[in-house]
Amino acid sequence: MIIPWEQLQPDTLTSLIKEFVTRDGTDYGFKETTTETRIEQVRAKLRQGEAVVLFSQSTGQCNIVARNSL
């Protein structure tokens, strides 16, 4: 189920994005970027509609995914 990111509390959204960008196995290529920069990049993707917050009712977990991967 897609959860509109605008309906999340700002602190909750930031925590979700931070967990996403610091997750083990997340690869951002050759250029090293700060966590804050990566958070803002993901936030921009959400605003642009290129990414969505996905909630799994079966596991109770949220994730951020590219819209075109749905």
N, C-alpha and C. Protein backbone atom coordinates (compact mmCIF):
# COMPACT_ATOMS: atom_id res chain seq x y z
N MET A 1 0.85 -1.16 0.00
CA MET A 1 0.00 0.00 0.00
C MET A 1 0.90 1.23 0.00
N ILE A 2 0.63 2.17 -0.91
CA ILE A 2 1.40 3.41 -0.98
C ILE A 2 0.85 4.38 0.07
N ILE A 3 1.74 4.92 0.87
CA ILE A 3 1.38 5.90 1.89
C ILE A 3 1.83 7.27 1.37
N PRO A 4 0.94 8.23 1.25
CA PRO A 4 1.36 9.57 0.82
C PRO A 4 2.37 10.15 1.82
N TRP A 5 3.56 10.46 1.35
CA TRP A 5 4.61 10.94 2.24
C TRP A 5 4.21 12.23 2.95
N GLU A 6 3.33 13.01 2.33
CA GLU A 6 2.89 14.27 2.93
C GLU A 6 2.07 14.05 4.20
N GLN A 7 1.52 12.85 4.37
CA GLN A 7 0.69 12.56 5.54
C GLN A 7 1.52 12.10 6.74
N LEU A 8 2.80 11.86 6.53
CA LEU A 8 3.67 11.46 7.64
C LEU A 8 4.14 12.69 8.41
N GLN A 9 4.29 12.52 9.71
CA GLN A 9 4.86 13.59 10.52
C GLN A 9 6.28 13.86 10.02
N PRO A 10 6.72 15.12 10.00
CA PRO A 10 8.06 15.43 9.49
C PRO A 10 9.18 14.61 10.13
N ASP A 11 9.14 14.44 11.45
CA ASP A 11 10.18 13.65 12.12
C ASP A 11 10.14 12.18 11.71
N THR A 12 8.94 11.67 11.52
CA THR A 12 8.78 10.27 11.10
C THR A 12 9.33 10.09 9.70
N LEU A 13 9.01 11.00 8.79
CA LEU A 13 9.51 10.92 7.43
C LEU A 13 11.03 11.00 7.42
N THR A 14 11.60 11.93 8.16
CA THR A 14 13.05 12.06 8.21
C THR A 14 13.69 10.79 8.75
N SER A 15 13.12 10.21 9.79
CA SER A 15 13.66 8.96 10.34
C SER A 15 13.59 7.82 9.33
N LEU A 16 12.48 7.73 8.62
CA LEU A 16 12.31 6.70 7.60
C LEU A 16 13.35 6.87 6.49
N ILE A 17 13.53 8.10 6.02
CA ILE A 17 14.50 8.35 4.97
C ILE A 17 15.92 8.07 5.47
N LYS A 18 16.23 8.49 6.69
CA LYS A 18 17.57 8.25 7.25
C LYS A 18 17.86 6.76 7.35
N GLU A 19 16.88 6.00 7.81
CA GLU A 19 17.07 4.54 7.89
C GLU A 19 17.31 3.98 6.50
N PHE A 20 16.59 4.47 5.52
CA PHE A 20 16.72 4.00 4.14
C PHE A 20 18.11 4.29 3.59
N VAL A 21 18.61 5.51 3.76
CA VAL A 21 19.90 5.87 3.16
C VAL A 21 21.10 5.31 3.91
N THR A 22 20.90 4.88 5.14
CA THR A 22 22.02 4.31 5.90
C THR A 22 21.96 2.79 5.99
N ARG A 23 20.99 2.22 5.34
CA ARG A 23 20.80 0.77 5.34
C ARG A 23 22.04 0.06 4.79
N ASP A 24 22.39 -1.08 5.37
CA ASP A 24 23.50 -1.89 4.87
C ASP A 24 23.25 -2.27 3.42
N GLY A 25 24.29 -2.17 2.62
CA GLY A 25 24.19 -2.56 1.22
C GLY A 25 23.73 -1.45 0.31
N THR A 26 23.44 -0.28 0.86
CA THR A 26 23.05 0.85 0.03
C THR A 26 24.30 1.40 -0.63
N ASP A 27 24.30 1.46 -1.95
CA ASP A 27 25.48 1.89 -2.69
C ASP A 27 25.15 3.16 -3.47
N TYR A 28 25.94 4.19 -3.27
CA TYR A 28 25.71 5.45 -3.95
C TYR A 28 26.80 5.75 -4.97
N GLY A 29 27.51 4.73 -5.41
CA GLY A 29 28.50 4.91 -6.47
C GLY A 29 29.86 5.32 -5.93
N PHE A 30 30.64 5.89 -6.81
CA PHE A 30 32.03 6.22 -6.49
C PHE A 30 32.17 7.46 -5.63
N LYS A 31 31.26 8.41 -5.79
CA LYS A 31 31.35 9.66 -5.05
C LYS A 31 30.73 9.52 -3.67
N GLU A 32 31.50 9.87 -2.66
CA GLU A 32 31.03 9.81 -1.28
C GLU A 32 30.16 11.03 -0.99
N THR A 33 28.97 10.82 -0.43
CA THR A 33 28.09 11.93 -0.08
C THR A 33 27.70 11.81 1.39
N THR A 34 27.36 12.93 1.99
CA THR A 34 26.97 12.92 3.40
C THR A 34 25.57 12.33 3.55
N THR A 35 25.28 11.90 4.75
CA THR A 35 23.95 11.38 5.05
C THR A 35 22.90 12.46 4.81
N GLU A 36 23.20 13.69 5.20
CA GLU A 36 22.25 14.79 5.02
C GLU A 36 21.95 15.02 3.53
N THR A 37 22.98 14.93 2.69
CA THR A 37 22.78 15.10 1.25
C THR A 37 21.92 13.98 0.70
N ARG A 38 22.18 12.76 1.13
CA ARG A 38 21.39 11.62 0.65
C ARG A 38 19.94 11.73 1.10
N ILE A 39 19.72 12.21 2.34
CA ILE A 39 18.35 12.41 2.83
C ILE A 39 17.63 13.42 1.95
N GLU A 40 18.28 14.52 1.62
CA GLU A 40 17.65 15.54 0.78
C GLU A 40 17.41 15.03 -0.64
N GLN A 41 18.30 14.18 -1.15
CA GLN A 41 18.09 13.59 -2.49
C GLN A 41 16.84 12.71 -2.51
N VAL A 42 16.67 11.90 -1.46
CA VAL A 42 15.50 11.03 -1.38
C VAL A 42 14.24 11.87 -1.19
N ARG A 43 14.32 12.89 -0.35
CA ARG A 43 13.16 13.77 -0.13
C ARG A 43 12.74 14.43 -1.45
N ALA A 44 13.71 14.83 -2.26
CA ALA A 44 13.41 15.42 -3.57
C ALA A 44 12.73 14.40 -4.48
N LYS A 45 13.18 13.16 -4.46
CA LYS A 45 12.56 12.11 -5.28
C LYS A 45 11.11 11.89 -4.85
N LEU A 46 10.83 11.97 -3.55
CA LEU A 46 9.46 11.83 -3.07
C LEU A 46 8.61 13.01 -3.56
N ARG A 47 9.14 14.22 -3.44
CA ARG A 47 8.40 15.41 -3.89
C ARG A 47 8.10 15.36 -5.38
N GLN A 48 9.05 14.85 -6.17
CA GLN A 48 8.90 14.78 -7.62
C GLN A 48 8.03 13.61 -8.06
N GLY A 49 7.68 12.74 -7.12
CA GLY A 49 6.86 11.59 -7.46
C GLY A 49 7.64 10.43 -8.05
N GLU A 50 8.96 10.51 -8.01
CA GLU A 50 9.79 9.44 -8.54
C GLU A 50 9.98 8.30 -7.55
N ALA A 51 9.71 8.58 -6.28
CA ALA A 51 9.79 7.56 -5.22
C ALA A 51 8.52 7.64 -4.39
N VAL A 52 8.19 6.52 -3.75
CA VAL A 52 7.00 6.46 -2.90
C VAL A 52 7.32 5.72 -1.60
N VAL A 53 6.51 5.98 -0.58
CA VAL A 53 6.60 5.24 0.67
C VAL A 53 5.64 4.07 0.55
N LEU A 54 6.17 2.89 0.74
CA LEU A 54 5.38 1.68 0.59
C LEU A 54 5.27 0.99 1.96
N PHE A 55 4.03 0.67 2.35
CA PHE A 55 3.79 -0.03 3.62
C PHE A 55 3.30 -1.43 3.31
N SER A 56 3.92 -2.42 3.94
CA SER A 56 3.51 -3.80 3.78
C SER A 56 2.64 -4.20 4.96
N GLN A 57 1.38 -4.50 4.69
CA GLN A 57 0.48 -4.92 5.77
C GLN A 57 0.89 -6.26 6.33
N SER A 58 1.47 -7.12 5.51
CA SER A 58 1.84 -8.45 5.99
C SER A 58 3.03 -8.42 6.95
N THR A 59 3.98 -7.48 6.72
CA THR A 59 5.16 -7.42 7.59
C THR A 59 5.12 -6.25 8.56
N GLY A 60 4.26 -5.25 8.27
CA GLY A 60 4.19 -4.06 9.12
C GLY A 60 5.36 -3.12 8.91
N GLN A 61 6.08 -3.26 7.81
CA GLN A 61 7.26 -2.44 7.55
C GLN A 61 7.02 -1.43 6.44
N CYS A 62 7.72 -0.31 6.53
CA CYS A 62 7.70 0.71 5.50
C CYS A 62 9.02 0.68 4.74
N ASN A 63 8.95 1.05 3.48
CA ASN A 63 10.13 1.14 2.65
C ASN A 63 9.93 2.28 1.66
N ILE A 64 11.01 2.76 1.11
CA ILE A 64 10.96 3.76 0.06
C ILE A 64 11.41 3.07 -1.21
N VAL A 65 10.60 3.17 -2.26
CA VAL A 65 10.91 2.49 -3.52
C VAL A 65 10.71 3.45 -4.68
N ALA A 66 11.39 3.16 -5.77
CA ALA A 66 11.19 3.94 -6.99
C ALA A 66 9.81 3.63 -7.54
N ARG A 67 9.07 4.64 -7.92
CA ARG A 67 7.71 4.46 -8.43
C ARG A 67 7.70 3.53 -9.65
N ASN A 68 8.72 3.64 -10.50
CA ASN A 68 8.73 2.81 -11.71
C ASN A 68 9.04 1.34 -11.44
N SER A 69 9.35 1.00 -10.19
CA SER A 69 9.60 -0.41 -9.86
C SER A 69 8.34 -1.13 -9.37
N LEU A 70 7.25 -0.38 -9.25
CA LEU A 70 5.99 -0.98 -8.77
C LEU A 70 5.28 -1.74 -9.87
